[in-house]
Amino acid sequence: MKILVINGPNLNFLGIREKKIYGDRDYDYLLKMIEEHARGKGVEVSFFQSNHEGAIIDRLQQAYFDGEDGIVINPGAYTHYSYAIHDALKSLEEPVKVEVHISDIQSREDFRKVSVTAPACDHQIYGKGFDGYLEAIDVIIDHKK
């Protein structure tokens, strides 16, 4: 099984930005954590991060040709207004798609409570810190059984 993890804008700044919200563990720590979890489940995982909307869309479209079984996506701020990413996710019927947010988006600013990308995904996980990514991997595995 192959799972693609996509992270959007500013996620590469984990451990640097807003530590009270996102913690002090950095992006590399997150990737290692996900990789170890996936390996333990016998899953091949690949990663992509971009601060550019079009690059995220290009990678989502490439996932179709790569035959990904699942996609874990944290669109970052694009969550709240990118109908282009929504459309790219919606065009992918086959891979299971799970939207993840490290923070509890429902207890933050009003604009963060709205996700235009979640309706194009099969599940949404938020407020569980880095562990939300691990849960997303497990959701995809369970869905594919």
N, C-alpha and C. Protein backbone atom coordinates (compact mmCIF):
# COMPACT_ATOMS: atom_id res chain seq x y z
N MET A 1 0.83 -1.18 0.00
CA MET A 1 0.00 0.00 0.00
C MET A 1 0.88 1.25 0.00
N LYS A 2 0.45 2.24 -0.80
CA LYS A 2 1.20 3.49 -0.92
C LYS A 2 0.33 4.66 -0.45
N ILE A 3 0.90 5.46 0.45
CA ILE A 3 0.19 6.63 0.95
C ILE A 3 1.07 7.86 0.75
N LEU A 4 0.46 8.89 0.23
CA LEU A 4 1.12 10.18 0.02
C LEU A 4 0.67 11.15 1.11
N VAL A 5 1.63 11.82 1.73
CA VAL A 5 1.34 12.84 2.73
C VAL A 5 1.71 14.20 2.13
N ILE A 6 0.73 15.07 2.03
CA ILE A 6 0.94 16.41 1.47
C ILE A 6 0.73 17.43 2.57
N ASN A 7 1.69 18.33 2.70
CA ASN A 7 1.59 19.44 3.65
C ASN A 7 1.68 20.75 2.90
N GLY A 8 0.79 21.65 3.24
CA GLY A 8 0.72 22.94 2.57
C GLY A 8 1.57 24.01 3.22
N PRO A 9 1.17 25.26 3.00
CA PRO A 9 2.00 26.40 3.39
C PRO A 9 2.29 26.48 4.89
N ASN A 10 3.53 26.81 5.16
CA ASN A 10 4.05 27.07 6.50
C ASN A 10 4.23 25.83 7.37
N LEU A 11 3.85 24.66 6.87
CA LEU A 11 4.05 23.45 7.67
C LEU A 11 5.52 23.12 7.78
N ASN A 12 6.30 23.56 6.81
CA ASN A 12 7.75 23.37 6.88
C ASN A 12 8.37 24.21 8.01
N PHE A 13 7.59 25.10 8.60
CA PHE A 13 8.07 25.95 9.70
C PHE A 13 7.62 25.43 11.07
N LEU A 14 7.19 24.18 11.12
CA LEU A 14 6.86 23.59 12.42
C LEU A 14 8.10 23.65 13.31
N GLY A 15 7.88 23.90 14.58
CA GLY A 15 8.99 24.05 15.51
C GLY A 15 9.52 25.47 15.57
N ILE A 16 9.12 26.28 14.61
CA ILE A 16 9.54 27.68 14.54
C ILE A 16 8.33 28.59 14.77
N ARG A 17 7.25 28.29 14.11
CA ARG A 17 6.07 29.17 14.15
C ARG A 17 5.12 28.81 15.29
N GLU A 18 4.56 29.78 15.90
CA GLU A 18 3.48 29.64 16.88
C GLU A 18 3.58 28.37 17.73
N LYS A 19 4.64 28.29 18.49
CA LYS A 19 4.91 27.09 19.29
C LYS A 19 3.81 26.77 20.29
N LYS A 20 3.10 27.77 20.76
CA LYS A 20 2.00 27.52 21.70
C LYS A 20 0.86 26.76 21.04
N ILE A 21 0.77 26.87 19.74
CA ILE A 21 -0.29 26.18 18.99
C ILE A 21 0.23 24.87 18.39
N TYR A 22 1.41 24.92 17.77
CA TYR A 22 1.91 23.77 17.01
C TYR A 22 3.00 22.98 17.72
N GLY A 23 3.49 23.46 18.85
CA GLY A 23 4.53 22.76 19.59
C GLY A 23 5.93 23.11 19.10
N ASP A 24 6.92 22.49 19.71
CA ASP A 24 8.30 22.81 19.37
C ASP A 24 9.00 21.72 18.56
N ARG A 25 8.27 20.68 18.19
CA ARG A 25 8.86 19.64 17.34
C ARG A 25 8.84 20.13 15.89
N ASP A 26 9.92 19.85 15.16
CA ASP A 26 10.04 20.41 13.81
C ASP A 26 9.46 19.48 12.74
N TYR A 27 9.50 19.97 11.52
CA TYR A 27 8.91 19.25 10.38
C TYR A 27 9.60 17.90 10.16
N ASP A 28 10.92 17.86 10.30
CA ASP A 28 11.63 16.59 10.13
C ASP A 28 11.18 15.56 11.16
N TYR A 29 10.94 16.01 12.38
CA TYR A 29 10.44 15.12 13.43
C TYR A 29 9.10 14.52 12.99
N LEU A 30 8.22 15.36 12.46
CA LEU A 30 6.91 14.88 11.99
C LEU A 30 7.07 13.82 10.92
N LEU A 31 7.93 14.07 9.94
CA LEU A 31 8.12 13.11 8.85
C LEU A 31 8.66 11.79 9.36
N LYS A 32 9.62 11.83 10.27
CA LYS A 32 10.19 10.60 10.84
C LYS A 32 9.13 9.83 11.61
N MET A 33 8.33 10.54 12.35
CA MET A 33 7.26 9.93 13.13
C MET A 33 6.26 9.20 12.21
N ILE A 34 5.85 9.86 11.16
CA ILE A 34 4.91 9.26 10.20
C ILE A 34 5.56 8.05 9.52
N GLU A 35 6.81 8.22 9.09
CA GLU A 35 7.51 7.14 8.39
C GLU A 35 7.64 5.89 9.27
N GLU A 36 8.00 6.07 10.52
CA GLU A 36 8.11 4.93 11.44
C GLU A 36 6.77 4.23 11.62
N HIS A 37 5.71 5.01 11.79
CA HIS A 37 4.38 4.44 11.96
C HIS A 37 3.96 3.66 10.71
N ALA A 38 4.16 4.27 9.56
CA ALA A 38 3.78 3.62 8.30
C ALA A 38 4.58 2.33 8.09
N ARG A 39 5.87 2.40 8.33
CA ARG A 39 6.72 1.22 8.16
C ARG A 39 6.24 0.08 9.06
N GLY A 40 5.88 0.41 10.30
CA GLY A 40 5.36 -0.59 11.23
C GLY A 40 4.07 -1.22 10.76
N LYS A 41 3.35 -0.55 9.90
CA LYS A 41 2.08 -1.07 9.35
C LYS A 41 2.29 -1.70 7.97
N GLY A 42 3.55 -1.70 7.49
CA GLY A 42 3.83 -2.27 6.18
C GLY A 42 3.39 -1.38 5.03
N VAL A 43 3.38 -0.09 5.27
CA VAL A 43 2.90 0.88 4.27
C VAL A 43 4.07 1.70 3.76
N GLU A 44 4.10 1.92 2.46
CA GLU A 44 5.09 2.81 1.84
C GLU A 44 4.52 4.22 1.88
N VAL A 45 5.29 5.15 2.41
CA VAL A 45 4.80 6.52 2.52
C VAL A 45 5.77 7.47 1.82
N SER A 46 5.21 8.47 1.13
CA SER A 46 6.02 9.51 0.51
C SER A 46 5.48 10.85 0.96
N PHE A 47 6.32 11.88 0.86
CA PHE A 47 5.98 13.19 1.40
C PHE A 47 6.14 14.27 0.34
N PHE A 48 5.29 15.29 0.48
CA PHE A 48 5.40 16.47 -0.37
C PHE A 48 4.96 17.67 0.44
N GLN A 49 5.72 18.74 0.37
CA GLN A 49 5.34 19.98 1.04
C GLN A 49 5.60 21.13 0.09
N SER A 50 4.64 22.05 0.06
CA SER A 50 4.82 23.24 -0.77
C SER A 50 4.04 24.41 -0.16
N ASN A 51 4.58 25.58 -0.36
CA ASN A 51 3.90 26.81 0.02
C ASN A 51 3.12 27.39 -1.16
N HIS A 52 3.04 26.62 -2.25
CA HIS A 52 2.43 27.11 -3.49
C HIS A 52 1.22 26.25 -3.86
N GLU A 53 0.10 26.89 -4.03
CA GLU A 53 -1.15 26.20 -4.33
C GLU A 53 -1.05 25.34 -5.58
N GLY A 54 -0.51 25.89 -6.65
CA GLY A 54 -0.42 25.14 -7.90
C GLY A 54 0.45 23.89 -7.78
N ALA A 55 1.51 23.97 -7.01
CA ALA A 55 2.38 22.80 -6.82
C ALA A 55 1.64 21.69 -6.08
N ILE A 56 0.80 22.07 -5.13
CA ILE A 56 0.00 21.07 -4.40
C ILE A 56 -0.99 20.41 -5.36
N ILE A 57 -1.62 21.20 -6.19
CA ILE A 57 -2.56 20.66 -7.18
C ILE A 57 -1.84 19.73 -8.14
N ASP A 58 -0.68 20.14 -8.62
CA ASP A 58 0.10 19.27 -9.52
C ASP A 58 0.42 17.95 -8.86
N ARG A 59 0.80 17.98 -7.58
CA ARG A 59 1.15 16.74 -6.88
C ARG A 59 -0.07 15.86 -6.65
N LEU A 60 -1.21 16.47 -6.36
CA LEU A 60 -2.45 15.70 -6.24
C LEU A 60 -2.78 15.01 -7.56
N GLN A 61 -2.64 15.71 -8.65
CA GLN A 61 -2.92 15.10 -9.95
C GLN A 61 -1.93 13.98 -10.25
N GLN A 62 -0.67 14.17 -9.88
CA GLN A 62 0.34 13.13 -10.10
C GLN A 62 0.01 11.87 -9.29
N ALA A 63 -0.63 12.04 -8.15
CA ALA A 63 -0.99 10.90 -7.30
C ALA A 63 -1.88 9.91 -8.06
N TYR A 64 -2.70 10.41 -8.96
CA TYR A 64 -3.54 9.55 -9.79
C TYR A 64 -2.66 8.62 -10.64
N PHE A 65 -1.67 9.19 -11.29
CA PHE A 65 -0.80 8.41 -12.17
C PHE A 65 0.14 7.50 -11.37
N ASP A 66 0.45 7.90 -10.14
CA ASP A 66 1.33 7.09 -9.29
C ASP A 66 0.59 5.94 -8.62
N GLY A 67 -0.72 5.92 -8.72
CA GLY A 67 -1.50 4.83 -8.14
C GLY A 67 -1.50 4.83 -6.62
N GLU A 68 -1.54 6.01 -6.02
CA GLU A 68 -1.57 6.08 -4.55
C GLU A 68 -2.85 5.45 -4.02
N ASP A 69 -2.73 4.73 -2.91
CA ASP A 69 -3.90 4.14 -2.26
C ASP A 69 -4.58 5.11 -1.31
N GLY A 70 -3.81 6.07 -0.83
CA GLY A 70 -4.37 7.03 0.09
C GLY A 70 -3.58 8.33 0.09
N ILE A 71 -4.26 9.39 0.49
CA ILE A 71 -3.63 10.70 0.59
C ILE A 71 -4.00 11.29 1.94
N VAL A 72 -2.99 11.71 2.67
CA VAL A 72 -3.17 12.48 3.89
C VAL A 72 -2.77 13.90 3.51
N ILE A 73 -3.67 14.85 3.74
CA ILE A 73 -3.36 16.22 3.34
C ILE A 73 -3.67 17.20 4.46
N ASN A 74 -2.70 18.06 4.73
CA ASN A 74 -2.91 19.22 5.57
C ASN A 74 -2.72 20.42 4.66
N PRO A 75 -3.82 20.98 4.14
CA PRO A 75 -3.69 22.07 3.19
C PRO A 75 -3.27 23.40 3.82
N GLY A 76 -3.07 23.43 5.14
CA GLY A 76 -2.71 24.68 5.79
C GLY A 76 -3.80 25.72 5.55
N ALA A 77 -3.42 26.95 5.37
CA ALA A 77 -4.39 28.03 5.18
C ALA A 77 -5.24 27.84 3.92
N TYR A 78 -4.77 27.06 2.96
CA TYR A 78 -5.58 26.81 1.76
C TYR A 78 -6.87 26.07 2.10
N THR A 79 -6.90 25.42 3.25
CA THR A 79 -8.09 24.73 3.73
C THR A 79 -9.33 25.62 3.63
N HIS A 80 -9.14 26.88 3.92
CA HIS A 80 -10.26 27.78 4.15
C HIS A 80 -10.75 28.52 2.91
N TYR A 81 -9.99 28.39 1.80
CA TYR A 81 -10.45 29.15 0.62
C TYR A 81 -10.05 28.56 -0.71
N SER A 82 -9.32 27.44 -0.74
CA SER A 82 -8.85 26.95 -2.04
C SER A 82 -9.84 25.96 -2.66
N TYR A 83 -10.71 26.52 -3.47
CA TYR A 83 -11.61 25.65 -4.23
C TYR A 83 -10.85 24.91 -5.31
N ALA A 84 -9.69 25.42 -5.71
CA ALA A 84 -8.86 24.71 -6.69
C ALA A 84 -8.31 23.41 -6.08
N ILE A 85 -7.86 23.45 -4.83
CA ILE A 85 -7.41 22.22 -4.18
C ILE A 85 -8.61 21.31 -3.92
N HIS A 86 -9.74 21.87 -3.54
CA HIS A 86 -10.96 21.08 -3.39
C HIS A 86 -11.25 20.31 -4.68
N ASP A 87 -11.22 21.02 -5.81
CA ASP A 87 -11.52 20.37 -7.09
C ASP A 87 -10.51 19.28 -7.43
N ALA A 88 -9.23 19.53 -7.13
CA ALA A 88 -8.20 18.51 -7.39
C ALA A 88 -8.45 17.27 -6.53
N LEU A 89 -8.79 17.47 -5.26
CA LEU A 89 -9.10 16.34 -4.39
C LEU A 89 -10.35 15.61 -4.88
N LYS A 90 -11.35 16.35 -5.25
CA LYS A 90 -12.62 15.77 -5.71
C LYS A 90 -12.43 14.94 -6.98
N SER A 91 -11.49 15.34 -7.82
CA SER A 91 -11.26 14.61 -9.08
C SER A 91 -10.63 13.25 -8.84
N LEU A 92 -10.07 13.03 -7.66
CA LEU A 92 -9.46 11.74 -7.32
C LEU A 92 -10.46 10.88 -6.57
N GLU A 93 -11.15 10.01 -7.28
CA GLU A 93 -12.16 9.18 -6.65
C GLU A 93 -11.56 8.00 -5.89
N GLU A 94 -10.50 7.43 -6.39
CA GLU A 94 -9.99 6.17 -5.86
C GLU A 94 -9.18 6.28 -4.58
N PRO A 95 -8.18 7.10 -4.47
CA PRO A 95 -7.45 7.06 -3.20
C PRO A 95 -8.33 7.59 -2.07
N VAL A 96 -8.19 6.97 -0.91
CA VAL A 96 -8.85 7.48 0.29
C VAL A 96 -8.13 8.77 0.68
N LYS A 97 -8.89 9.79 1.00
CA LYS A 97 -8.32 11.11 1.30
C LYS A 97 -8.72 11.53 2.72
N VAL A 98 -7.70 11.87 3.51
CA VAL A 98 -7.94 12.31 4.88
C VAL A 98 -7.30 13.68 5.08
N GLU A 99 -8.12 14.64 5.48
CA GLU A 99 -7.61 15.97 5.80
C GLU A 99 -7.21 16.00 7.27
N VAL A 100 -6.03 16.55 7.55
CA VAL A 100 -5.50 16.60 8.91
C VAL A 100 -5.12 18.03 9.26
N HIS A 101 -5.39 18.39 10.51
CA HIS A 101 -4.93 19.67 11.07
C HIS A 101 -4.36 19.41 12.45
N ILE A 102 -3.21 19.94 12.71
CA ILE A 102 -2.52 19.72 13.99
C ILE A 102 -3.30 20.38 15.12
N SER A 103 -3.76 21.58 14.92
CA SER A 103 -4.48 22.31 15.96
C SER A 103 -5.98 22.00 15.88
N ASP A 104 -6.68 22.40 16.91
CA ASP A 104 -8.14 22.28 16.93
C ASP A 104 -8.72 23.49 16.20
N ILE A 105 -8.97 23.32 14.93
CA ILE A 105 -9.43 24.44 14.11
C ILE A 105 -10.79 24.97 14.56
N GLN A 106 -11.55 24.16 15.29
CA GLN A 106 -12.87 24.61 15.75
C GLN A 106 -12.79 25.55 16.96
N SER A 107 -11.62 25.62 17.59
CA SER A 107 -11.49 26.50 18.76
C SER A 107 -10.58 27.70 18.48
N ARG A 108 -10.32 27.94 17.21
CA ARG A 108 -9.46 29.05 16.83
C ARG A 108 -10.27 30.15 16.16
N GLU A 109 -9.63 30.98 15.36
CA GLU A 109 -10.33 32.08 14.69
C GLU A 109 -11.48 31.54 13.83
N ASP A 110 -12.49 32.38 13.66
CA ASP A 110 -13.68 31.95 12.92
C ASP A 110 -13.36 31.42 11.52
N PHE A 111 -12.43 32.09 10.83
CA PHE A 111 -12.15 31.66 9.46
C PHE A 111 -11.58 30.25 9.41
N ARG A 112 -10.93 29.80 10.48
CA ARG A 112 -10.34 28.46 10.50
C ARG A 112 -11.38 27.36 10.69
N LYS A 113 -12.56 27.72 11.11
CA LYS A 113 -13.61 26.74 11.37
C LYS A 113 -14.24 26.20 10.09
N VAL A 114 -13.99 26.88 9.00
CA VAL A 114 -14.57 26.50 7.71
C VAL A 114 -13.49 25.85 6.84
N SER A 115 -13.79 24.65 6.37
CA SER A 115 -12.90 23.97 5.44
C SER A 115 -13.63 23.75 4.13
N VAL A 116 -13.10 24.34 3.07
CA VAL A 116 -13.69 24.10 1.74
C VAL A 116 -13.09 22.84 1.12
N THR A 117 -12.03 22.32 1.70
CA THR A 117 -11.40 21.10 1.16
C THR A 117 -11.93 19.83 1.80
N ALA A 118 -12.40 19.89 3.04
CA ALA A 118 -12.88 18.69 3.73
C ALA A 118 -14.00 17.96 2.99
N PRO A 119 -14.95 18.66 2.37
CA PRO A 119 -16.00 17.93 1.65
C PRO A 119 -15.49 17.07 0.49
N ALA A 120 -14.28 17.34 0.03
CA ALA A 120 -13.70 16.53 -1.05
C ALA A 120 -12.88 15.36 -0.50
N CYS A 121 -12.85 15.24 0.83
CA CYS A 121 -12.09 14.16 1.48
C CYS A 121 -13.06 13.17 2.12
N ASP A 122 -12.53 12.01 2.47
CA ASP A 122 -13.34 10.98 3.10
C ASP A 122 -13.44 11.18 4.61
N HIS A 123 -12.44 11.79 5.20
CA HIS A 123 -12.40 12.02 6.65
C HIS A 123 -11.65 13.32 6.93
N GLN A 124 -11.92 13.87 8.12
CA GLN A 124 -11.16 15.03 8.60
C GLN A 124 -10.78 14.77 10.06
N ILE A 125 -9.53 15.05 10.38
CA ILE A 125 -9.01 14.89 11.74
C ILE A 125 -8.37 16.21 12.14
N TYR A 126 -8.71 16.70 13.33
CA TYR A 126 -8.10 17.95 13.79
C TYR A 126 -7.96 17.93 15.31
N GLY A 127 -6.99 18.71 15.78
CA GLY A 127 -6.81 18.89 17.20
C GLY A 127 -6.08 17.78 17.92
N LYS A 128 -5.45 16.89 17.20
CA LYS A 128 -4.75 15.77 17.81
C LYS A 128 -3.24 15.88 17.68
N GLY A 129 -2.76 17.08 17.34
CA GLY A 129 -1.34 17.27 17.19
C GLY A 129 -0.78 16.40 16.07
N PHE A 130 0.49 16.04 16.19
CA PHE A 130 1.13 15.21 15.18
C PHE A 130 0.48 13.83 15.08
N ASP A 131 -0.12 13.37 16.19
CA ASP A 131 -0.76 12.06 16.20
C ASP A 131 -1.92 11.97 15.20
N GLY A 132 -2.47 13.11 14.81
CA GLY A 132 -3.54 13.11 13.82
C GLY A 132 -3.09 12.50 12.50
N TYR A 133 -1.83 12.71 12.15
CA TYR A 133 -1.29 12.12 10.92
C TYR A 133 -1.26 10.59 11.03
N LEU A 134 -0.89 10.09 12.20
CA LEU A 134 -0.83 8.64 12.40
C LEU A 134 -2.23 8.05 12.34
N GLU A 135 -3.17 8.74 12.93
CA GLU A 135 -4.56 8.30 12.86
C GLU A 135 -5.04 8.28 11.41
N ALA A 136 -4.64 9.27 10.64
CA ALA A 136 -5.03 9.33 9.22
C ALA A 136 -4.49 8.12 8.46
N ILE A 137 -3.24 7.75 8.73
CA ILE A 137 -2.66 6.55 8.10
C ILE A 137 -3.53 5.33 8.44
N ASP A 138 -3.89 5.21 9.71
CA ASP A 138 -4.69 4.07 10.15
C ASP A 138 -6.09 4.08 9.52
N VAL A 139 -6.67 5.26 9.37
CA VAL A 139 -7.98 5.38 8.72
C VAL A 139 -7.90 4.86 7.29
N ILE A 140 -6.85 5.24 6.58
CA ILE A 140 -6.68 4.78 5.19
C ILE A 140 -6.51 3.26 5.15
N ILE A 141 -5.68 2.74 6.01
CA ILE A 141 -5.46 1.28 6.06
C ILE A 141 -6.78 0.57 6.32
N ASP A 142 -7.52 1.01 7.33
CA ASP A 142 -8.80 0.38 7.66
C ASP A 142 -9.79 0.48 6.51
N HIS A 143 -9.79 1.61 5.84
CA HIS A 143 -10.73 1.82 4.72
C HIS A 143 -10.41 0.89 3.55
N LYS A 144 -9.14 0.60 3.35
CA LYS A 144 -8.73 -0.24 2.21
C LYS A 144 -8.89 -1.74 2.48
N LYS A 145 -9.17 -2.11 3.74
CA LYS A 145 -9.35 -3.54 4.06
C LYS A 145 -10.64 -4.06 3.49
